[in-house]
Amino acid sequence: MTIETLTEFFMWGSILGWCVMVLTGLMWLVMKDFGRRMHHKLFGISPQVVDIGIYAYLGLLKVALLVFFFIPWMVLLIIG
């Protein structure tokens, strides 16, 4: 595998990952009440716990995207 191929892989992984994160955040903004009700009906958890879970998910996703896609892409751009 060449450096150019790896650079392109990490670039597209970064782009798609950030799109998923933004889409998830926008969906949560639009469908927050529906999500809270469904989680309460299905699992019996309070809306505050659902909010904490969603924000934790988005935070972990952001860190994972930075560590596993964005930073390697930047390093490959620098050394390539």
PDB file of N, CA and C in Angstrom:
ATOM      1  N   MET A   1       0.846  -1.178   0.000  1.00  0.00           N
ATOM      2  CA  MET A   1       0.000   0.000   0.000  1.00  0.00           C
ATOM      3  C   MET A   1       0.890   1.238   0.000  1.00  0.00           C
ATOM      4  N   THR A   2       0.567   2.164  -0.868  1.00  0.00           N
ATOM      5  CA  THR A   2       1.388   3.363  -0.986  1.00  0.00           C
ATOM      6  C   THR A   2       0.915   4.440  -0.011  1.00  0.00           C
ATOM      7  N   ILE A   3       1.781   5.438   0.174  1.00  0.00           N
ATOM      8  CA  ILE A   3       1.433   6.559   1.057  1.00  0.00           C
ATOM      9  C   ILE A   3       0.239   7.322   0.491  1.00  0.00           C
ATOM     10  N   GLU A   4       0.159   7.427  -0.829  1.00  0.00           N
ATOM     11  CA  GLU A   4      -0.966   8.132  -1.447  1.00  0.00           C
ATOM     12  C   GLU A   4      -2.288   7.415  -1.182  1.00  0.00           C
ATOM     13  N   THR A   5      -2.265   6.088  -1.243  1.00  0.00           N
ATOM     14  CA  THR A   5      -3.472   5.308  -0.974  1.00  0.00           C
ATOM     15  C   THR A   5      -3.896   5.459   0.478  1.00  0.00           C
ATOM     16  N   LEU A   6      -2.936   5.373   1.391  1.00  0.00           N
ATOM     17  CA  LEU A   6      -3.256   5.546   2.810  1.00  0.00           C
ATOM     18  C   LEU A   6      -3.766   6.948   3.098  1.00  0.00           C
ATOM     19  N   THR A   7      -3.153   7.943   2.464  1.00  0.00           N
ATOM     20  CA  THR A   7      -3.595   9.326   2.664  1.00  0.00           C
ATOM     21  C   THR A   7      -5.037   9.495   2.218  1.00  0.00           C
ATOM     22  N   GLU A   8      -5.364   8.932   1.069  1.00  0.00           N
ATOM     23  CA  GLU A   8      -6.742   9.029   0.565  1.00  0.00           C
ATOM     24  C   GLU A   8      -7.714   8.260   1.458  1.00  0.00           C
ATOM     25  N   PHE A   9      -7.298   7.095   1.949  1.00  0.00           N
ATOM     26  CA  PHE A   9      -8.142   6.315   2.853  1.00  0.00           C
ATOM     27  C   PHE A   9      -8.478   7.101   4.118  1.00  0.00           C
ATOM     28  N   PHE A  10      -7.465   7.679   4.746  1.00  0.00           N
ATOM     29  CA  PHE A  10      -7.700   8.437   5.976  1.00  0.00           C
ATOM     30  C   PHE A  10      -8.477   9.729   5.714  1.00  0.00           C
ATOM     31  N   MET A  11      -8.286  10.325   4.541  1.00  0.00           N
ATOM     32  CA  MET A  11      -9.058  11.514   4.192  1.00  0.00           C
ATOM     33  C   MET A  11     -10.543  11.172   4.089  1.00  0.00           C
ATOM     34  N   TRP A  12     -10.874  10.127   3.339  1.00  0.00           N
ATOM     35  CA  TRP A  12     -12.279   9.755   3.184  1.00  0.00           C
ATOM     36  C   TRP A  12     -12.867   9.227   4.480  1.00  0.00           C
ATOM     37  N   GLY A  13     -12.073   8.528   5.269  1.00  0.00           N
ATOM     38  CA  GLY A  13     -12.555   8.096   6.579  1.00  0.00           C
ATOM     39  C   GLY A  13     -12.883   9.281   7.470  1.00  0.00           C
ATOM     40  N   SER A  14     -12.054  10.314   7.427  1.00  0.00           N
ATOM     41  CA  SER A  14     -12.317  11.528   8.201  1.00  0.00           C
ATOM     42  C   SER A  14     -13.581  12.220   7.724  1.00  0.00           C
ATOM     43  N   ILE A  15     -13.710  12.374   6.423  1.00  0.00           N
ATOM     44  CA  ILE A  15     -14.876  13.068   5.871  1.00  0.00           C
ATOM     45  C   ILE A  15     -16.158  12.326   6.220  1.00  0.00           C
ATOM     46  N   LEU A  16     -16.179  11.033   5.977  1.00  0.00           N
ATOM     47  CA  LEU A  16     -17.394  10.249   6.265  1.00  0.00           C
ATOM     48  C   LEU A  16     -17.702  10.199   7.753  1.00  0.00           C
ATOM     49  N   GLY A  17     -16.679  10.078   8.571  1.00  0.00           N
ATOM     50  CA  GLY A  17     -16.889  10.045  10.012  1.00  0.00           C
ATOM     51  C   GLY A  17     -17.462  11.343  10.535  1.00  0.00           C
ATOM     52  N   TRP A  18     -16.924  12.468  10.081  1.00  0.00           N
ATOM     53  CA  TRP A  18     -17.444  13.763  10.519  1.00  0.00           C
ATOM     54  C   TRP A  18     -18.863  13.979  10.007  1.00  0.00           C
ATOM     55  N   CYS A  19     -19.160  13.482   8.801  1.00  0.00           N
ATOM     56  CA  CYS A  19     -20.534  13.585   8.295  1.00  0.00           C
ATOM     57  C   CYS A  19     -21.502  12.796   9.161  1.00  0.00           C
ATOM     58  N   VAL A  20     -21.093  11.606   9.577  1.00  0.00           N
ATOM     59  CA  VAL A  20     -21.942  10.796  10.466  1.00  0.00           C
ATOM     60  C   VAL A  20     -22.158  11.523  11.789  1.00  0.00           C
ATOM     61  N   MET A  21     -21.109  12.114  12.326  1.00  0.00           N
ATOM     62  CA  MET A  21     -21.237  12.821  13.599  1.00  0.00           C
ATOM     63  C   MET A  21     -22.163  14.032  13.474  1.00  0.00           C
ATOM     64  N   VAL A  22     -22.008  14.803  12.429  1.00  0.00           N
ATOM     65  CA  VAL A  22     -22.865  15.974  12.230  1.00  0.00           C
ATOM     66  C   VAL A  22     -24.309  15.541  12.001  1.00  0.00           C
ATOM     67  N   LEU A  23     -24.508  14.505  11.188  1.00  0.00           N
ATOM     68  CA  LEU A  23     -25.861  14.004  10.940  1.00  0.00           C
ATOM     69  C   LEU A  23     -26.511  13.506  12.225  1.00  0.00           C
ATOM     70  N   THR A  24     -25.762  12.797  13.049  1.00  0.00           N
ATOM     71  CA  THR A  24     -26.284  12.325  14.325  1.00  0.00           C
ATOM     72  C   THR A  24     -26.654  13.495  15.225  1.00  0.00           C
ATOM     73  N   GLY A  25     -25.809  14.499  15.303  1.00  0.00           N
ATOM     74  CA  GLY A  25     -26.104  15.673  16.119  1.00  0.00           C
ATOM     75  C   GLY A  25     -27.337  16.413  15.636  1.00  0.00           C
ATOM     76  N   LEU A  26     -27.465  16.578  14.319  1.00  0.00           N
ATOM     77  CA  LEU A  26     -28.635  17.251  13.768  1.00  0.00           C
ATOM     78  C   LEU A  26     -29.908  16.443  13.998  1.00  0.00           C
ATOM     79  N   MET A  27     -29.812  15.127  13.834  1.00  0.00           N
ATOM     80  CA  MET A  27     -30.983  14.279  14.094  1.00  0.00           C
ATOM     81  C   MET A  27     -31.397  14.372  15.553  1.00  0.00           C
ATOM     82  N   TRP A  28     -30.425  14.434  16.448  1.00  0.00           N
ATOM     83  CA  TRP A  28     -30.760  14.536  17.863  1.00  0.00           C
ATOM     84  C   TRP A  28     -31.427  15.877  18.169  1.00  0.00           C
ATOM     85  N   LEU A  29     -30.968  16.942  17.528  1.00  0.00           N
ATOM     86  CA  LEU A  29     -31.596  18.249  17.730  1.00  0.00           C
ATOM     87  C   LEU A  29     -33.044  18.252  17.251  1.00  0.00           C
ATOM     88  N   VAL A  30     -33.300  17.609  16.125  1.00  0.00           N
ATOM     89  CA  VAL A  30     -34.634  17.611  15.543  1.00  0.00           C
ATOM     90  C   VAL A  30     -35.565  16.623  16.254  1.00  0.00           C
ATOM     91  N   MET A  31     -35.035  15.451  16.630  1.00  0.00           N
ATOM     92  CA  MET A  31     -35.884  14.372  17.153  1.00  0.00           C
ATOM     93  C   MET A  31     -35.615  14.065  18.627  1.00  0.00           C
ATOM     94  N   LYS A  32     -35.214  15.067  19.394  1.00  0.00           N
ATOM     95  CA  LYS A  32     -34.829  14.854  20.781  1.00  0.00           C
ATOM     96  C   LYS A  32     -35.968  14.264  21.619  1.00  0.00           C
ATOM     97  N   ASP A  33     -37.160  14.845  21.519  1.00  0.00           N
ATOM     98  CA  ASP A  33     -38.282  14.363  22.322  1.00  0.00           C
ATOM     99  C   ASP A  33     -38.672  12.937  21.950  1.00  0.00           C
ATOM    100  N   PHE A  34     -38.690  12.646  20.660  1.00  0.00           N
ATOM    101  CA  PHE A  34     -39.000  11.294  20.209  1.00  0.00           C
ATOM    102  C   PHE A  34     -37.975  10.300  20.751  1.00  0.00           C
ATOM    103  N   GLY A  35     -36.706  10.651  20.673  1.00  0.00           N
ATOM    104  CA  GLY A  35     -35.657   9.758  21.175  1.00  0.00           C
ATOM    105  C   GLY A  35     -35.764   9.522  22.672  1.00  0.00           C
ATOM    106  N   ARG A  36     -36.053  10.577  23.404  1.00  0.00           N
ATOM    107  CA  ARG A  36     -36.211  10.432  24.857  1.00  0.00           C
ATOM    108  C   ARG A  36     -37.384   9.513  25.194  1.00  0.00           C
ATOM    109  N   ARG A  37     -38.533   9.722  24.507  1.00  0.00           N
ATOM    110  CA  ARG A  37     -39.716   8.881  24.765  1.00  0.00           C
ATOM    111  C   ARG A  37     -39.441   7.419  24.432  1.00  0.00           C
ATOM    112  N   MET A  38     -38.817   7.174  23.298  1.00  0.00           N
ATOM    113  CA  MET A  38     -38.544   5.791  22.888  1.00  0.00           C
ATOM    114  C   MET A  38     -37.594   5.093  23.858  1.00  0.00           C
ATOM    115  N   HIS A  39     -36.558   5.790  24.284  1.00  0.00           N
ATOM    116  CA  HIS A  39     -35.628   5.181  25.229  1.00  0.00           C
ATOM    117  C   HIS A  39     -36.308   4.940  26.578  1.00  0.00           C
ATOM    118  N   HIS A  40     -37.194   5.829  26.961  1.00  0.00           N
ATOM    119  CA  HIS A  40     -37.917   5.628  28.221  1.00  0.00           C
ATOM    120  C   HIS A  40     -38.855   4.425  28.119  1.00  0.00           C
ATOM    121  N   LYS A  41     -39.555   4.304  26.993  1.00  0.00           N
ATOM    122  CA  LYS A  41     -40.465   3.168  26.814  1.00  0.00           C
ATOM    123  C   LYS A  41     -39.710   1.850  26.709  1.00  0.00           C
ATOM    124  N   LEU A  42     -38.612   1.848  25.967  1.00  0.00           N
ATOM    125  CA  LEU A  42     -37.887   0.606  25.730  1.00  0.00           C
ATOM    126  C   LEU A  42     -37.040   0.169  26.922  1.00  0.00           C
ATOM    127  N   PHE A  43     -36.373   1.113  27.551  1.00  0.00           N
ATOM    128  CA  PHE A  43     -35.401   0.760  28.579  1.00  0.00           C
ATOM    129  C   PHE A  43     -35.719   1.318  29.952  1.00  0.00           C
ATOM    130  N   GLY A  44     -36.713   2.204  30.042  1.00  0.00           N
ATOM    131  CA  GLY A  44     -37.106   2.762  31.330  1.00  0.00           C
ATOM    132  C   GLY A  44     -36.106   3.738  31.918  1.00  0.00           C
ATOM    133  N   ILE A  45     -35.376   4.450  31.071  1.00  0.00           N
ATOM    134  CA  ILE A  45     -34.394   5.402  31.586  1.00  0.00           C
ATOM    135  C   ILE A  45     -34.922   6.825  31.445  1.00  0.00           C
ATOM    136  N   SER A  46     -34.456   7.696  32.289  1.00  0.00           N
ATOM    137  CA  SER A  46     -34.958   9.069  32.321  1.00  0.00           C
ATOM    138  C   SER A  46     -34.379   9.883  31.161  1.00  0.00           C
ATOM    139  N   PRO A  47     -35.050  10.976  30.794  1.00  0.00           N
ATOM    140  CA  PRO A  47     -34.543  11.821  29.709  1.00  0.00           C
ATOM    141  C   PRO A  47     -33.153  12.387  29.985  1.00  0.00           C
ATOM    142  N   GLN A  48     -32.843  12.666  31.239  1.00  0.00           N
ATOM    143  CA  GLN A  48     -31.513  13.192  31.564  1.00  0.00           C
ATOM    144  C   GLN A  48     -30.420  12.168  31.254  1.00  0.00           C
ATOM    145  N   VAL A  49     -30.702  10.906  31.538  1.00  0.00           N
ATOM    146  CA  VAL A  49     -29.718   9.851  31.265  1.00  0.00           C
ATOM    147  C   VAL A  49     -29.549   9.667  29.761  1.00  0.00           C
ATOM    148  N   VAL A  50     -30.645   9.775  29.018  1.00  0.00           N
ATOM    149  CA  VAL A  50     -30.564   9.668  27.559  1.00  0.00           C
ATOM    150  C   VAL A  50     -29.702  10.804  27.001  1.00  0.00           C
ATOM    151  N   ASP A  51     -29.915  12.025  27.488  1.00  0.00           N
ATOM    152  CA  ASP A  51     -29.110  13.156  27.032  1.00  0.00           C
ATOM    153  C   ASP A  51     -27.629  12.941  27.331  1.00  0.00           C
ATOM    154  N   ILE A  52     -27.318  12.474  28.521  1.00  0.00           N
ATOM    155  CA  ILE A  52     -25.928  12.206  28.887  1.00  0.00           C
ATOM    156  C   ILE A  52     -25.329  11.148  27.970  1.00  0.00           C
ATOM    157  N   GLY A  53     -26.107  10.122  27.669  1.00  0.00           N
ATOM    158  CA  GLY A  53     -25.632   9.063  26.788  1.00  0.00           C
ATOM    159  C   GLY A  53     -25.339   9.563  25.381  1.00  0.00           C
ATOM    160  N   ILE A  54     -26.234  10.389  24.852  1.00  0.00           N
ATOM    161  CA  ILE A  54     -26.035  10.916  23.502  1.00  0.00           C
ATOM    162  C   ILE A  54     -24.810  11.827  23.454  1.00  0.00           C
ATOM    163  N   TYR A  55     -24.679  12.707  24.440  1.00  0.00           N
ATOM    164  CA  TYR A  55     -23.529  13.608  24.451  1.00  0.00           C
ATOM    165  C   TYR A  55     -22.222  12.847  24.667  1.00  0.00           C
ATOM    166  N   ALA A  56     -22.259  11.793  25.469  1.00  0.00           N
ATOM    167  CA  ALA A  56     -21.070  10.961  25.649  1.00  0.00           C
ATOM    168  C   ALA A  56     -20.718  10.253  24.346  1.00  0.00           C
ATOM    169  N   TYR A  57     -21.736   9.745  23.642  1.00  0.00           N
ATOM    170  CA  TYR A  57     -21.508   9.093  22.355  1.00  0.00           C
ATOM    171  C   TYR A  57     -20.867  10.060  21.363  1.00  0.00           C
ATOM    172  N   LEU A  58     -21.422  11.268  21.257  1.00  0.00           N
ATOM    173  CA  LEU A  58     -20.871  12.235  20.315  1.00  0.00           C
ATOM    174  C   LEU A  58     -19.444  12.642  20.691  1.00  0.00           C
ATOM    175  N   GLY A  59     -19.180  12.769  21.978  1.00  0.00           N
ATOM    176  CA  GLY A  59     -17.834  13.106  22.428  1.00  0.00           C
ATOM    177  C   GLY A  59     -16.830  12.006  22.136  1.00  0.00           C
ATOM    178  N   LEU A  60     -17.219  10.767  22.413  1.00  0.00           N
ATOM    179  CA  LEU A  60     -16.322   9.644  22.124  1.00  0.00           C
ATOM    180  C   LEU A  60     -16.106   9.471  20.627  1.00  0.00           C
ATOM    181  N   LEU A  61     -17.161   9.687  19.846  1.00  0.00           N
ATOM    182  CA  LEU A  61     -17.023   9.596  18.397  1.00  0.00           C
ATOM    183  C   LEU A  61     -16.052  10.658  17.881  1.00  0.00           C
ATOM    184  N   LYS A  62     -16.141  11.871  18.420  1.00  0.00           N
ATOM    185  CA  LYS A  62     -15.241  12.943  18.002  1.00  0.00           C
ATOM    186  C   LYS A  62     -13.785  12.600  18.320  1.00  0.00           C
ATOM    187  N   VAL A  63     -13.537  12.108  19.515  1.00  0.00           N
ATOM    188  CA  VAL A  63     -12.171  11.739  19.905  1.00  0.00           C
ATOM    189  C   VAL A  63     -11.665  10.585  19.050  1.00  0.00           C
ATOM    190  N   ALA A  64     -12.522   9.579  18.810  1.00  0.00           N
ATOM    191  CA  ALA A  64     -12.112   8.435  17.984  1.00  0.00           C
ATOM    192  C   ALA A  64     -11.791   8.867  16.562  1.00  0.00           C
ATOM    193  N   LEU A  65     -12.603   9.754  16.005  1.00  0.00           N
ATOM    194  CA  LEU A  65     -12.324  10.243  14.653  1.00  0.00           C
ATOM    195  C   LEU A  65     -11.015  11.015  14.596  1.00  0.00           C
ATOM    196  N   LEU A  66     -10.768  11.818  15.612  1.00  0.00           N
ATOM    197  CA  LEU A  66      -9.501  12.563  15.638  1.00  0.00           C
ATOM    198  C   LEU A  66      -8.304  11.618  15.728  1.00  0.00           C
ATOM    199  N   VAL A  67      -8.376  10.658  16.628  1.00  0.00           N
ATOM    200  CA  VAL A  67      -7.229   9.783  16.886  1.00  0.00           C
ATOM    201  C   VAL A  67      -6.999   8.794  15.746  1.00  0.00           C
ATOM    202  N   PHE A  68      -8.077   8.210  15.223  1.00  0.00           N
ATOM    203  CA  PHE A  68      -7.913   7.113  14.267  1.00  0.00           C
ATOM    204  C   PHE A  68      -7.988   7.525  12.799  1.00  0.00           C
ATOM    205  N   PHE A  69      -8.467   8.720  12.498  1.00  0.00           N
ATOM    206  CA  PHE A  69      -8.555   9.137  11.104  1.00  0.00           C
ATOM    207  C   PHE A  69      -7.884  10.482  10.829  1.00  0.00           C
ATOM    208  N   PHE A  70      -8.272  11.519  11.555  1.00  0.00           N
ATOM    209  CA  PHE A  70      -7.809  12.870  11.209  1.00  0.00           C
ATOM    210  C   PHE A  70      -6.311  13.050  11.461  1.00  0.00           C
ATOM    211  N   ILE A  71      -5.837  12.649  12.620  1.00  0.00           N
ATOM    212  CA  ILE A  71      -4.405  12.819  12.933  1.00  0.00           C
ATOM    213  C   ILE A  71      -3.531  11.984  12.007  1.00  0.00           C
ATOM    214  N   PRO A  72      -3.859  10.688  11.749  1.00  0.00           N
ATOM    215  CA  PRO A  72      -3.029   9.954  10.772  1.00  0.00           C
ATOM    216  C   PRO A  72      -3.049  10.584   9.382  1.00  0.00           C
ATOM    217  N   TRP A  73      -4.185  11.132   8.976  1.00  0.00           N
ATOM    218  CA  TRP A  73      -4.263  11.810   7.677  1.00  0.00           C
ATOM    219  C   TRP A  73      -3.319  13.015   7.653  1.00  0.00           C
ATOM    220  N   MET A  74      -3.327  13.824   8.722  1.00  0.00           N
ATOM    221  CA  MET A  74      -2.439  14.984   8.771  1.00  0.00           C
ATOM    222  C   MET A  74      -0.966  14.553   8.745  1.00  0.00           C
ATOM    223  N   VAL A  75      -0.641  13.505   9.471  1.00  0.00           N
ATOM    224  CA  VAL A  75       0.749  13.016   9.502  1.00  0.00           C
ATOM    225  C   VAL A  75       1.171  12.544   8.103  1.00  0.00           C
ATOM    226  N   LEU A  76       0.278  11.817   7.431  1.00  0.00           N
ATOM    227  CA  LEU A  76       0.614  11.361   6.091  1.00  0.00           C
ATOM    228  C   LEU A  76       0.747  12.523   5.108  1.00  0.00           C
ATOM    229  N   LEU A  77      -0.058  13.557   5.293  1.00  0.00           N
ATOM    230  CA  LEU A  77       0.093  14.744   4.437  1.00  0.00           C
ATOM    231  C   LEU A  77       1.441  15.418   4.670  1.00  0.00           C
ATOM    232  N   ILE A  78       1.879  15.446   5.926  1.00  0.00           N
ATOM    233  CA  ILE A  78       3.153  16.087   6.245  1.00  0.00           C
ATOM    234  C   ILE A  78       4.332  15.292   5.688  1.00  0.00           C
ATOM    235  N   ILE A  79       4.306  13.974   5.870  1.00  0.00           N
ATOM    236  CA  ILE A  79       5.450  13.169   5.406  1.00  0.00           C
ATOM    237  C   ILE A  79       5.390  12.847   3.925  1.00  0.00           C
ATOM    238  N   GLY A  80       4.199  12.978   3.316  1.00  0.00           N
ATOM    239  CA  GLY A  80       4.061  12.643   1.885  1.00  0.00           C
ATOM    240  C   GLY A  80       4.523  13.768   1.045  1.00  0.00           C
TER     241      GLY A  80
END
